[in-house]
Amino acid sequence: MNAPPFPGRATPAFVGALVGAAAGMLLVTAAGALAMEIGGLLIALGIGVPTLCGAVVGAFVTPGHPRSHPSNPR
């Protein structure tokens, strides 16, 4: 099957970005607990990179399609 067009991918990309941002915030919080001072660039990278990765994964992974062989029903 073909992947849905961009509007069909916008919501999963947004959800992926939210999950990535949450993971980035956890990383920054953990780094802050271990270090005395965190620079602004580290905070931006710690939140921005997981957010971007989450958006990309959300846009390209289509839900509802199992990876098992279609002739092998569960």
Protein backbone atom coordinates (compact mmCIF):
# COMPACT_ATOMS: atom_id res chain seq x y z
CA MET A 1 0.00 0.00 0.00
CA ASN A 2 1.09 3.54 -0.60
CA ALA A 3 1.83 5.83 2.31
CA PRO A 4 -0.79 8.50 2.96
CA PRO A 5 -0.16 11.98 1.51
CA PHE A 6 1.34 14.74 3.65
CA PRO A 7 -1.89 15.84 5.43
CA GLY A 8 -2.32 12.24 6.57
CA ARG A 9 1.21 12.30 7.99
CA ALA A 10 0.96 15.66 9.76
CA THR A 11 -0.69 14.34 12.92
CA PRO A 12 1.76 11.45 13.47
CA ALA A 13 4.63 13.86 12.80
CA PHE A 14 3.24 16.28 15.40
CA VAL A 15 2.80 13.49 17.95
CA GLY A 16 6.32 12.27 17.23
CA ALA A 17 7.63 15.80 17.74
CA LEU A 18 5.83 16.04 21.08
CA VAL A 19 7.26 12.72 22.24
CA GLY A 20 10.73 13.78 21.09
CA ALA A 21 10.42 17.10 22.92
CA ALA A 22 9.39 15.31 26.10
CA ALA A 23 12.37 12.97 25.81
CA GLY A 24 14.65 15.95 25.21
CA MET A 25 13.32 17.71 28.29
CA LEU A 26 14.03 14.61 30.35
CA LEU A 27 17.58 14.51 28.97
CA VAL A 28 18.16 18.17 29.79
CA THR A 29 16.73 17.71 33.28
CA ALA A 30 18.96 14.71 33.93
CA ALA A 31 22.00 16.60 32.64
CA GLY A 32 21.12 19.53 34.89
CA ALA A 33 20.96 17.24 37.89
CA LEU A 34 24.44 15.90 37.13
CA ALA A 35 26.17 19.13 36.12
CA MET A 36 26.50 22.45 37.91
CA GLU A 37 25.67 24.56 34.87
CA ILE A 38 24.18 23.84 31.45
CA GLY A 39 24.64 26.27 28.58
CA GLY A 40 21.81 27.48 26.39
CA LEU A 41 23.20 25.70 23.33
CA LEU A 42 23.18 22.36 25.14
CA ILE A 43 19.59 22.92 26.23
CA ALA A 44 18.53 23.84 22.68
CA LEU A 45 20.29 20.81 21.20
CA GLY A 46 19.00 18.52 23.95
CA ILE A 47 15.41 19.43 23.17
CA GLY A 48 15.65 20.27 19.46
CA VAL A 49 17.37 17.13 18.18
CA PRO A 50 14.93 14.63 19.78
CA THR A 51 12.01 16.80 18.62
CA LEU A 52 13.23 16.73 15.02
CA CYS A 53 13.91 12.99 15.16
CA GLY A 54 10.46 12.34 16.61
CA ALA A 55 8.82 14.36 13.85
CA VAL A 56 10.72 12.48 11.14
CA VAL A 57 9.86 9.09 12.64
CA GLY A 58 6.23 10.10 13.07
CA ALA A 59 6.01 11.24 9.45
CA PHE A 60 7.48 8.09 7.93
CA VAL A 61 6.11 5.33 10.15
CA THR A 62 2.57 4.53 9.11
CA PRO A 63 0.35 3.12 11.87
CA GLY A 64 -1.82 0.08 11.40
CA HIS A 65 0.50 -1.93 9.18
CA PRO A 66 1.95 -4.95 10.98
CA ARG A 67 5.40 -6.14 9.94
CA SER A 68 4.37 -9.79 9.84
CA HIS A 69 3.85 -11.65 6.60
CA PRO A 70 0.32 -11.02 5.21
CA SER A 71 -0.33 -14.72 4.57
CA ASN A 72 0.34 -15.52 8.21
CA PRO A 73 -2.76 -14.29 10.12
CA ARG A 74 -2.59 -14.08 13.86
